[in-house]
Amino acid sequence: YFNRCFSLFDNLPFFPAFFDFIFDHSISRTITIKHGNTILTLSCPNALVRYRIKTFSAKEPETLSWIDSLTDSDILWDIGANIGLYSCYAASRNIRVFAFEPSYLNIHSLVSNISLNNLSASVTIVPLPLSDKIQISEFNSRFTRVGSALSSFSSTLGYDGLNFSPSVVYSIPGLTIDSFVDIFRHSLPSAIKIDVDGLEHLILSGGITVLHKVRTILIEVNDNFYDQSVSVKSTLESLGFVMVLKDHSEMIASSTPFSNTFNQIWTK
């Protein structure tokens, strides 16, 4: 929602610089939050990131509960890590994390948040996208602010299955889940979180071998994106997963663009 609001003004030549100046002088460069017994100090470069941090406990409580259900023997892949809020939360609970985030806009904040919380031994950053095949293709960034989401790799399909016009395009190599584990065998996940705003079903299709060995998956799906919704259900059921939860917070339910977007939790 916040991304869409900013997009209305980003094309004005003076707005991004003016807005950043205002917030550079009006908000703290770090914010400390507490969820349960976990305390995190997080980098705050702009208003969008501040919104993400301040709504951490309220925006996706089902995701936090799912992470709470993991143990220190789990290896979590956070695919679409953004600035690392969930990666850092999981790592602070002694869970080994691989944070997949290809957006050049978000890598700096992801690194900062890991460093601020002394989690570098627990989080491995993978600055590459995952998809259904190994390829070099274009990463299409819809927005140009740190903390932005709704980007896409090798496609301009958005979270709703509709095409969008990117603001920034750059070429980058991409892997599949299976090829990444083939290369880095010690990284086999037991839990996977996928939130990439539209290509979740393609990522699953590139990981059939590895997914046989995964215990639990949290995946974001938009019910309006029919091909995605059907493909996710078919793939996971064929692998023996059962959906145990489909939910979103009141904050998401009341947001018109995302009211049909849900986190689904699947387990074996």
C-alpha atoms as a PDB file:
ATOM      1  CA  TYR A   1       0.000   0.000   0.000  1.00  0.00           C
ATOM      2  CA  PHE A   2       2.773   2.412   0.964  1.00  0.00           C
ATOM      3  CA  ASN A   3       4.656   1.531  -2.231  1.00  0.00           C
ATOM      4  CA  ARG A   4       1.618   2.403  -4.348  1.00  0.00           C
ATOM      5  CA  CYS A   5       1.157   5.754  -2.597  1.00  0.00           C
ATOM      6  CA  PHE A   6       4.755   6.759  -3.237  1.00  0.00           C
ATOM      7  CA  SER A   7       4.519   5.737  -6.884  1.00  0.00           C
ATOM      8  CA  LEU A   8       2.008   8.509  -7.481  1.00  0.00           C
ATOM      9  CA  PHE A   9       4.640  11.109  -6.602  1.00  0.00           C
ATOM     10  CA  ASP A  10       7.932   9.501  -7.639  1.00  0.00           C
ATOM     11  CA  ASN A  11       7.621  10.813 -11.202  1.00  0.00           C
ATOM     12  CA  LEU A  12       7.679  14.402  -9.975  1.00  0.00           C
ATOM     13  CA  PRO A  13      11.280  15.547 -10.467  1.00  0.00           C
ATOM     14  CA  PHE A  14      11.626  17.244  -7.077  1.00  0.00           C
ATOM     15  CA  PHE A  15       9.630  14.873  -4.881  1.00  0.00           C
ATOM     16  CA  PRO A  16      12.017  12.007  -4.030  1.00  0.00           C
ATOM     17  CA  ALA A  17      14.888  14.308  -3.084  1.00  0.00           C
ATOM     18  CA  PHE A  18      12.607  16.638  -1.101  1.00  0.00           C
ATOM     19  CA  PHE A  19      10.920  13.774   0.744  1.00  0.00           C
ATOM     20  CA  ASP A  20      14.230  12.109   1.603  1.00  0.00           C
ATOM     21  CA  PHE A  21      15.580  15.437   2.887  1.00  0.00           C
ATOM     22  CA  ILE A  22      12.580  15.884   5.187  1.00  0.00           C
ATOM     23  CA  PHE A  23      12.839  12.396   6.618  1.00  0.00           C
ATOM     24  CA  ASP A  24      16.630  12.485   6.856  1.00  0.00           C
ATOM     25  CA  HIS A  25      16.137  15.300   9.333  1.00  0.00           C
ATOM     26  CA  SER A  26      13.041  14.100  11.143  1.00  0.00           C
ATOM     27  CA  ILE A  27      13.443  10.396  11.932  1.00  0.00           C
ATOM     28  CA  SER A  28      16.032   8.344  13.746  1.00  0.00           C
ATOM     29  CA  ARG A  29      18.546   6.474  11.642  1.00  0.00           C
ATOM     30  CA  THR A  30      17.764   3.341  13.665  1.00  0.00           C
ATOM     31  CA  ILE A  31      14.640   2.121  15.417  1.00  0.00           C
ATOM     32  CA  THR A  32      14.525  -0.505  18.158  1.00  0.00           C
ATOM     33  CA  ILE A  33      11.458  -2.730  18.325  1.00  0.00           C
ATOM     34  CA  LYS A  34      10.351  -5.589  20.533  1.00  0.00           C
ATOM     35  CA  HIS A  35       8.187  -8.554  19.588  1.00  0.00           C
ATOM     36  CA  GLY A  36       7.645 -11.055  22.363  1.00  0.00           C
ATOM     37  CA  ASN A  37      11.046 -11.488  23.978  1.00  0.00           C
ATOM     38  CA  THR A  38      12.943 -10.515  20.839  1.00  0.00           C
ATOM     39  CA  ILE A  39      14.495  -7.059  20.525  1.00  0.00           C
ATOM     40  CA  LEU A  40      15.824  -5.830  17.172  1.00  0.00           C
ATOM     41  CA  THR A  41      17.603  -2.609  16.230  1.00  0.00           C
ATOM     42  CA  LEU A  42      16.893  -1.755  12.616  1.00  0.00           C
ATOM     43  CA  SER A  43      18.224   0.716  10.077  1.00  0.00           C
ATOM     44  CA  CYS A  44      15.664   3.351   9.068  1.00  0.00           C
ATOM     45  CA  PRO A  45      16.710   5.290   5.949  1.00  0.00           C
ATOM     46  CA  ASN A  46      13.272   6.512   4.874  1.00  0.00           C
ATOM     47  CA  ALA A  47       9.547   6.646   5.594  1.00  0.00           C
ATOM     48  CA  LEU A  48       8.716   3.399   3.782  1.00  0.00           C
ATOM     49  CA  VAL A  49      11.199   1.448   5.906  1.00  0.00           C
ATOM     50  CA  ARG A  50       9.906   3.187   9.027  1.00  0.00           C
ATOM     51  CA  TYR A  51       6.416   1.966   8.124  1.00  0.00           C
ATOM     52  CA  ARG A  52       7.696  -1.581   7.684  1.00  0.00           C
ATOM     53  CA  ILE A  53       9.448  -1.499  11.043  1.00  0.00           C
ATOM     54  CA  LYS A  54       6.599   0.116  12.973  1.00  0.00           C
ATOM     55  CA  THR A  55       4.038  -2.390  11.641  1.00  0.00           C
ATOM     56  CA  PHE A  56       6.285  -5.412  12.154  1.00  0.00           C
ATOM     57  CA  SER A  57       4.105  -7.094  14.782  1.00  0.00           C
ATOM     58  CA  ALA A  58       0.767  -6.190  13.192  1.00  0.00           C
ATOM     59  CA  LYS A  59       1.264  -6.648   9.449  1.00  0.00           C
ATOM     60  CA  GLU A  60       1.918 -10.413   9.263  1.00  0.00           C
ATOM     61  CA  PRO A  61       1.354 -11.992  12.701  1.00  0.00           C
ATOM     62  CA  GLU A  62       0.867 -15.380  11.038  1.00  0.00           C
ATOM     63  CA  THR A  63       4.401 -15.179   9.645  1.00  0.00           C
ATOM     64  CA  LEU A  64       5.846 -14.407  13.069  1.00  0.00           C
ATOM     65  CA  SER A  65       3.884 -17.268  14.646  1.00  0.00           C
ATOM     66  CA  TRP A  66       5.161 -19.608  11.942  1.00  0.00           C
ATOM     67  CA  ILE A  67       8.760 -18.541  12.600  1.00  0.00           C
ATOM     68  CA  ASP A  68       8.134 -19.042  16.336  1.00  0.00           C
ATOM     69  CA  SER A  69       7.174 -22.654  15.568  1.00  0.00           C
ATOM     70  CA  LEU A  70      10.607 -23.366  14.065  1.00  0.00           C
ATOM     71  CA  THR A  71      13.499 -24.700  16.132  1.00  0.00           C
ATOM     72  CA  ASP A  72      17.227 -24.061  16.217  1.00  0.00           C
ATOM     73  CA  SER A  73      17.716 -27.254  14.201  1.00  0.00           C
ATOM     74  CA  ASP A  74      15.864 -25.739  11.242  1.00  0.00           C
ATOM     75  CA  ILE A  75      17.421 -24.015   8.240  1.00  0.00           C
ATOM     76  CA  LEU A  76      15.124 -21.280   6.922  1.00  0.00           C
ATOM     77  CA  TRP A  77      15.217 -19.880   3.413  1.00  0.00           C
ATOM     78  CA  ASP A  78      13.709 -16.395   3.344  1.00  0.00           C
ATOM     79  CA  ILE A  79      13.056 -15.912  -0.385  1.00  0.00           C
ATOM     80  CA  GLY A  80      12.252 -12.265  -0.950  1.00  0.00           C
ATOM     81  CA  ALA A  81      13.931 -11.055   2.248  1.00  0.00           C
ATOM     82  CA  ASN A  82      13.613  -7.329   1.443  1.00  0.00           C
ATOM     83  CA  ILE A  83      15.386  -5.429   4.263  1.00  0.00           C
ATOM     84  CA  GLY A  84      15.596  -8.567   6.405  1.00  0.00           C
ATOM     85  CA  LEU A  85      12.996  -8.059   9.123  1.00  0.00           C
ATOM     86  CA  TYR A  86      11.917 -11.703   9.166  1.00  0.00           C
ATOM     87  CA  SER A  87      15.426 -13.000   8.511  1.00  0.00           C
ATOM     88  CA  CYS A  88      16.729 -11.096  11.515  1.00  0.00           C
ATOM     89  CA  TYR A  89      13.804 -12.151  13.684  1.00  0.00           C
ATOM     90  CA  ALA A  90      14.374 -15.819  12.834  1.00  0.00           C
ATOM     91  CA  ALA A  91      18.149 -15.558  13.291  1.00  0.00           C
ATOM     92  CA  SER A  92      17.694 -13.884  16.666  1.00  0.00           C
ATOM     93  CA  ARG A  93      15.843 -17.065  17.671  1.00  0.00           C
ATOM     94  CA  ASN A  94      18.926 -19.153  16.776  1.00  0.00           C
ATOM     95  CA  ILE A  95      17.587 -20.321  13.418  1.00  0.00           C
ATOM     96  CA  ARG A  96      20.039 -20.570  10.518  1.00  0.00           C
ATOM     97  CA  VAL A  97      18.823 -18.327   7.681  1.00  0.00           C
ATOM     98  CA  PHE A  98      19.560 -17.884   3.978  1.00  0.00           C
ATOM     99  CA  ALA A  99      18.192 -14.484   2.928  1.00  0.00           C
ATOM    100  CA  PHE A 100      17.508 -14.274  -0.819  1.00  0.00           C
ATOM    101  CA  GLU A 101      17.227 -10.650  -1.955  1.00  0.00           C
ATOM    102  CA  PRO A 102      18.272  -9.497  -5.453  1.00  0.00           C
ATOM    103  CA  SER A 103      17.090  -5.876  -5.231  1.00  0.00           C
ATOM    104  CA  TYR A 104      19.987  -3.430  -5.221  1.00  0.00           C
ATOM    105  CA  LEU A 105      17.735  -1.053  -3.292  1.00  0.00           C
ATOM    106  CA  ASN A 106      17.388  -3.361  -0.295  1.00  0.00           C
ATOM    107  CA  ILE A 107      20.766  -5.080   0.044  1.00  0.00           C
ATOM    108  CA  HIS A 108      22.376  -2.219   1.995  1.00  0.00           C
ATOM    109  CA  SER A 109      19.613  -2.190   4.610  1.00  0.00           C
ATOM    110  CA  LEU A 110      19.619  -5.989   4.769  1.00  0.00           C
ATOM    111  CA  VAL A 111      23.356  -5.975   5.517  1.00  0.00           C
ATOM    112  CA  SER A 112      22.948  -3.126   8.025  1.00  0.00           C
ATOM    113  CA  ASN A 113      20.198  -4.924   9.929  1.00  0.00           C
ATOM    114  CA  ILE A 114      22.172  -8.133  10.137  1.00  0.00           C
ATOM    115  CA  SER A 115      25.201  -6.214  11.378  1.00  0.00           C
ATOM    116  CA  LEU A 116      23.286  -4.046  13.864  1.00  0.00           C
ATOM    117  CA  ASN A 117      21.957  -7.190  15.545  1.00  0.00           C
ATOM    118  CA  ASN A 118      25.228  -9.176  15.404  1.00  0.00           C
ATOM    119  CA  LEU A 119      23.640 -11.886  13.270  1.00  0.00           C
ATOM    120  CA  SER A 120      26.273 -12.298  10.548  1.00  0.00           C
ATOM    121  CA  ALA A 121      27.117 -15.803  11.772  1.00  0.00           C
ATOM    122  CA  SER A 122      23.486 -16.851  11.425  1.00  0.00           C
ATOM    123  CA  VAL A 123      22.376 -15.194   8.169  1.00  0.00           C
ATOM    124  CA  THR A 124      23.815 -15.813   4.718  1.00  0.00           C
ATOM    125  CA  ILE A 125      22.775 -13.246   2.121  1.00  0.00           C
ATOM    126  CA  VAL A 126      22.121 -14.555  -1.387  1.00  0.00           C
ATOM    127  CA  PRO A 127      21.859 -11.490  -3.682  1.00  0.00           C
ATOM    128  CA  LEU A 128      20.336 -13.471  -6.561  1.00  0.00           C
ATOM    129  CA  PRO A 129      16.768 -14.213  -7.633  1.00  0.00           C
ATOM    130  CA  LEU A 130      15.263 -17.691  -7.793  1.00  0.00           C
ATOM    131  CA  SER A 131      13.008 -18.848 -10.597  1.00  0.00           C
ATOM    132  CA  ASP A 132      11.988 -21.939 -12.572  1.00  0.00           C
ATOM    133  CA  LYS A 133      15.272 -22.195 -14.501  1.00  0.00           C
ATOM    134  CA  ILE A 134      18.907 -21.113 -14.450  1.00  0.00           C
ATOM    135  CA  GLN A 135      19.180 -18.009 -16.563  1.00  0.00           C
ATOM    136  CA  ILE A 136      20.554 -14.535 -17.009  1.00  0.00           C
ATOM    137  CA  SER A 137      17.634 -12.163 -17.357  1.00  0.00           C
ATOM    138  CA  GLU A 138      16.279  -8.783 -16.369  1.00  0.00           C
ATOM    139  CA  PHE A 139      15.353  -7.829 -12.844  1.00  0.00           C
ATOM    140  CA  ASN A 140      12.477  -5.360 -13.087  1.00  0.00           C
ATOM    141  CA  SER A 141      12.205  -2.968 -10.170  1.00  0.00           C
ATOM    142  CA  ARG A 142       8.883  -1.159 -10.002  1.00  0.00           C
ATOM    143  CA  PHE A 143       9.993   1.456  -7.476  1.00  0.00           C
ATOM    144  CA  THR A 144      13.209   3.277  -6.549  1.00  0.00           C
ATOM    145  CA  ARG A 145      13.054   3.536  -2.759  1.00  0.00           C
ATOM    146  CA  VAL A 146      14.842   1.430  -0.149  1.00  0.00           C
ATOM    147  CA  GLY A 147      12.328  -1.021   1.288  1.00  0.00           C
ATOM    148  CA  SER A 148      10.401  -1.279  -1.983  1.00  0.00           C
ATOM    149  CA  ALA A 149       8.837  -4.545  -3.083  1.00  0.00           C
ATOM    150  CA  LEU A 150       6.621  -5.669  -6.003  1.00  0.00           C
ATOM    151  CA  SER A 151       9.577  -6.301  -8.339  1.00  0.00           C
ATOM    152  CA  SER A 152       9.945  -9.243 -10.710  1.00  0.00           C
ATOM    153  CA  PHE A 153      12.689 -11.338 -12.324  1.00  0.00           C
ATOM    154  CA  SER A 154      12.555 -12.351 -16.006  1.00  0.00           C
ATOM    155  CA  SER A 155       9.018 -11.039 -16.149  1.00  0.00           C
ATOM    156  CA  THR A 156       6.940  -7.925 -15.566  1.00  0.00           C
ATOM    157  CA  LEU A 157       4.084  -9.832 -13.941  1.00  0.00           C
ATOM    158  CA  GLY A 158       3.081  -8.333 -10.627  1.00  0.00           C
ATOM    159  CA  TYR A 159       1.586  -9.800  -7.454  1.00  0.00           C
ATOM    160  CA  ASP A 160      -1.871  -9.728  -9.088  1.00  0.00           C
ATOM    161  CA  GLY A 161      -0.827 -11.400 -12.338  1.00  0.00           C
ATOM    162  CA  LEU A 162      -0.958  -8.133 -14.280  1.00  0.00           C
ATOM    163  CA  ASN A 163       1.977  -6.562 -16.113  1.00  0.00           C
ATOM    164  CA  PHE A 164       3.631  -3.460 -14.713  1.00  0.00           C
ATOM    165  CA  SER A 165       6.079  -0.868 -16.066  1.00  0.00           C
ATOM    166  CA  PRO A 166       9.430  -1.042 -14.241  1.00  0.00           C
ATOM    167  CA  SER A 167      11.331   2.063 -13.161  1.00  0.00           C
ATOM    168  CA  VAL A 168      14.722   0.342 -13.110  1.00  0.00           C
ATOM    169  CA  VAL A 169      15.848  -2.668 -15.167  1.00  0.00           C
ATOM    170  CA  TYR A 170      19.149  -4.522 -14.867  1.00  0.00           C
ATOM    171  CA  SER A 171      20.503  -7.878 -15.959  1.00  0.00           C
ATOM    172  CA  ILE A 172      21.333 -10.444 -13.293  1.00  0.00           C
ATOM    173  CA  PRO A 173      21.897 -14.221 -13.092  1.00  0.00           C
ATOM    174  CA  GLY A 174      19.188 -16.307 -11.491  1.00  0.00           C
ATOM    175  CA  LEU A 175      19.149 -19.833 -10.077  1.00  0.00           C
ATOM    176  CA  THR A 176      16.582 -22.424  -9.080  1.00  0.00           C
ATOM    177  CA  ILE A 177      16.080 -23.894  -5.619  1.00  0.00           C
ATOM    178  CA  ASP A 178      17.467 -27.208  -6.850  1.00  0.00           C
ATOM    179  CA  SER A 179      20.532 -25.701  -8.531  1.00  0.00           C
ATOM    180  CA  PHE A 180      21.423 -23.648  -5.456  1.00  0.00           C
ATOM    181  CA  VAL A 181      21.425 -26.760  -3.264  1.00  0.00           C
ATOM    182  CA  ASP A 182      23.438 -28.642  -5.904  1.00  0.00           C
ATOM    183  CA  ILE A 183      26.113 -25.954  -5.608  1.00  0.00           C
ATOM    184  CA  PHE A 184      25.921 -25.337  -1.839  1.00  0.00           C
ATOM    185  CA  ARG A 185      24.901 -28.698  -0.422  1.00  0.00           C
ATOM    186  CA  HIS A 186      25.112 -27.732   3.249  1.00  0.00           C
ATOM    187  CA  SER A 187      22.283 -25.241   2.716  1.00  0.00           C
ATOM    188  CA  LEU A 188      19.390 -27.724   2.364  1.00  0.00           C
ATOM    189  CA  PRO A 189      16.359 -25.992   3.914  1.00  0.00           C
ATOM    190  CA  SER A 190      13.816 -27.520   6.260  1.00  0.00           C
ATOM    191  CA  ALA A 191      11.575 -24.429   6.143  1.00  0.00           C
ATOM    192  CA  ILE A 192      10.987 -22.000   3.265  1.00  0.00           C
ATOM    193  CA  LYS A 193       9.257 -18.616   3.224  1.00  0.00           C
ATOM    194  CA  ILE A 194       8.441 -17.266  -0.249  1.00  0.00           C
ATOM    195  CA  ASP A 195       7.202 -13.720  -0.729  1.00  0.00           C
ATOM    196  CA  VAL A 196       8.276 -12.301  -4.094  1.00  0.00           C
ATOM    197  CA  ASP A 197       5.026 -10.677  -5.216  1.00  0.00           C
ATOM    198  CA  GLY A 198       4.029 -12.793  -8.176  1.00  0.00           C
ATOM    199  CA  LEU A 199       6.551 -15.486  -9.119  1.00  0.00           C
ATOM    200  CA  GLU A 200       6.065 -17.816  -6.163  1.00  0.00           C
ATOM    201  CA  HIS A 201       4.685 -20.637  -8.343  1.00  0.00           C
ATOM    202  CA  LEU A 202       7.704 -20.488 -10.688  1.00  0.00           C
ATOM    203  CA  ILE A 203      10.116 -20.683  -7.774  1.00  0.00           C
ATOM    204  CA  LEU A 204       8.344 -23.806  -6.506  1.00  0.00           C
ATOM    205  CA  SER A 205       8.544 -25.446  -9.935  1.00  0.00           C
ATOM    206  CA  GLY A 206      12.315 -25.006  -9.903  1.00  0.00           C
ATOM    207  CA  GLY A 207      12.708 -26.839  -6.616  1.00  0.00           C
ATOM    208  CA  ILE A 208      10.896 -30.166  -6.928  1.00  0.00           C
ATOM    209  CA  THR A 209      13.867 -32.262  -5.760  1.00  0.00           C
ATOM    210  CA  VAL A 210      14.636 -30.116  -2.726  1.00  0.00           C
ATOM    211  CA  LEU A 211      10.996 -29.626  -1.767  1.00  0.00           C
ATOM    212  CA  HIS A 212      10.650 -33.370  -1.183  1.00  0.00           C
ATOM    213  CA  LYS A 213      12.913 -32.817   1.832  1.00  0.00           C
ATOM    214  CA  VAL A 214      11.346 -29.599   3.157  1.00  0.00           C
ATOM    215  CA  ARG A 215       9.101 -29.834   6.215  1.00  0.00           C
ATOM    216  CA  THR A 216       7.121 -26.601   6.089  1.00  0.00           C
ATOM    217  CA  ILE A 217       6.503 -23.725   3.660  1.00  0.00           C
ATOM    218  CA  LEU A 218       4.947 -20.287   4.085  1.00  0.00           C
ATOM    219  CA  ILE A 219       4.037 -18.782   0.727  1.00  0.00           C
ATOM    220  CA  GLU A 220       2.190 -15.618  -0.255  1.00  0.00           C
ATOM    221  CA  VAL A 221      -0.532 -16.126  -2.870  1.00  0.00           C
ATOM    222  CA  ASN A 222      -2.980 -13.690  -4.428  1.00  0.00           C
ATOM    223  CA  ASP A 223      -6.324 -15.385  -5.067  1.00  0.00           C
ATOM    224  CA  ASN A 224      -6.926 -13.069  -8.023  1.00  0.00           C
ATOM    225  CA  PHE A 225      -3.829 -14.455  -9.768  1.00  0.00           C
ATOM    226  CA  TYR A 226      -5.489 -17.668 -10.926  1.00  0.00           C
ATOM    227  CA  ASP A 227      -2.483 -19.323 -12.592  1.00  0.00           C
ATOM    228  CA  GLN A 228      -0.348 -18.725  -9.519  1.00  0.00           C
ATOM    229  CA  SER A 229      -2.978 -19.935  -7.084  1.00  0.00           C
ATOM    230  CA  VAL A 230      -3.725 -23.147  -8.994  1.00  0.00           C
ATOM    231  CA  SER A 231      -0.061 -23.916  -9.645  1.00  0.00           C
ATOM    232  CA  VAL A 232       0.982 -23.451  -6.004  1.00  0.00           C
ATOM    233  CA  LYS A 233      -1.803 -25.741  -4.793  1.00  0.00           C
ATOM    234  CA  SER A 234      -1.112 -28.414  -7.411  1.00  0.00           C
ATOM    235  CA  THR A 235       2.656 -28.431  -6.866  1.00  0.00           C
ATOM    236  CA  LEU A 236       2.562 -28.578  -3.077  1.00  0.00           C
ATOM    237  CA  GLU A 237      -0.172 -31.191  -2.891  1.00  0.00           C
ATOM    238  CA  SER A 238       1.735 -33.389  -5.352  1.00  0.00           C
ATOM    239  CA  LEU A 239       4.716 -33.226  -2.997  1.00  0.00           C
ATOM    240  CA  GLY A 240       2.691 -34.343   0.004  1.00  0.00           C
ATOM    241  CA  PHE A 241       2.125 -30.962   1.635  1.00  0.00           C
ATOM    242  CA  VAL A 242      -1.147 -30.085   3.349  1.00  0.00           C
ATOM    243  CA  MET A 243      -2.324 -26.500   3.809  1.00  0.00           C
ATOM    244  CA  VAL A 244      -2.813 -25.876   7.531  1.00  0.00           C
ATOM    245  CA  LEU A 245      -3.449 -22.130   7.451  1.00  0.00           C
ATOM    246  CA  LYS A 246      -4.544 -19.444   5.014  1.00  0.00           C
ATOM    247  CA  ASP A 247      -4.663 -16.049   6.642  1.00  0.00           C
ATOM    248  CA  HIS A 248      -3.887 -12.356   6.528  1.00  0.00           C
ATOM    249  CA  SER A 249      -4.047  -9.595   9.092  1.00  0.00           C
ATOM    250  CA  GLU A 250      -6.776  -6.984   9.364  1.00  0.00           C
ATOM    251  CA  MET A 251      -4.223  -4.507   8.035  1.00  0.00           C
ATOM    252  CA  ILE A 252      -3.931  -6.508   4.799  1.00  0.00           C
ATOM    253  CA  ALA A 253      -7.634  -7.342   4.618  1.00  0.00           C
ATOM    254  CA  SER A 254      -8.550  -3.661   4.716  1.00  0.00           C
ATOM    255  CA  SER A 255      -6.002  -2.702   2.060  1.00  0.00           C
ATOM    256  CA  THR A 256      -7.905  -2.802  -1.230  1.00  0.00           C
ATOM    257  CA  PRO A 257      -4.952  -3.723  -3.499  1.00  0.00           C
ATOM    258  CA  PHE A 258      -3.953  -6.670  -1.287  1.00  0.00           C
ATOM    259  CA  SER A 259      -7.229  -7.765   0.277  1.00  0.00           C
ATOM    260  CA  ASN A 260      -7.145 -11.037  -1.677  1.00  0.00           C
ATOM    261  CA  THR A 261      -3.508 -11.754  -0.847  1.00  0.00           C
ATOM    262  CA  PHE A 262      -2.968 -14.415   1.812  1.00  0.00           C
ATOM    263  CA  ASN A 263      -0.114 -16.200   3.506  1.00  0.00           C
ATOM    264  CA  GLN A 264      -0.562 -19.932   3.130  1.00  0.00           C
ATOM    265  CA  ILE A 265       1.237 -22.328   5.459  1.00  0.00           C
ATOM    266  CA  TRP A 266       1.842 -25.857   4.196  1.00  0.00           C
ATOM    267  CA  THR A 267       3.344 -28.752   6.144  1.00  0.00           C
ATOM    268  CA  LYS A 268       3.986 -32.459   5.760  1.00  0.00           C
END
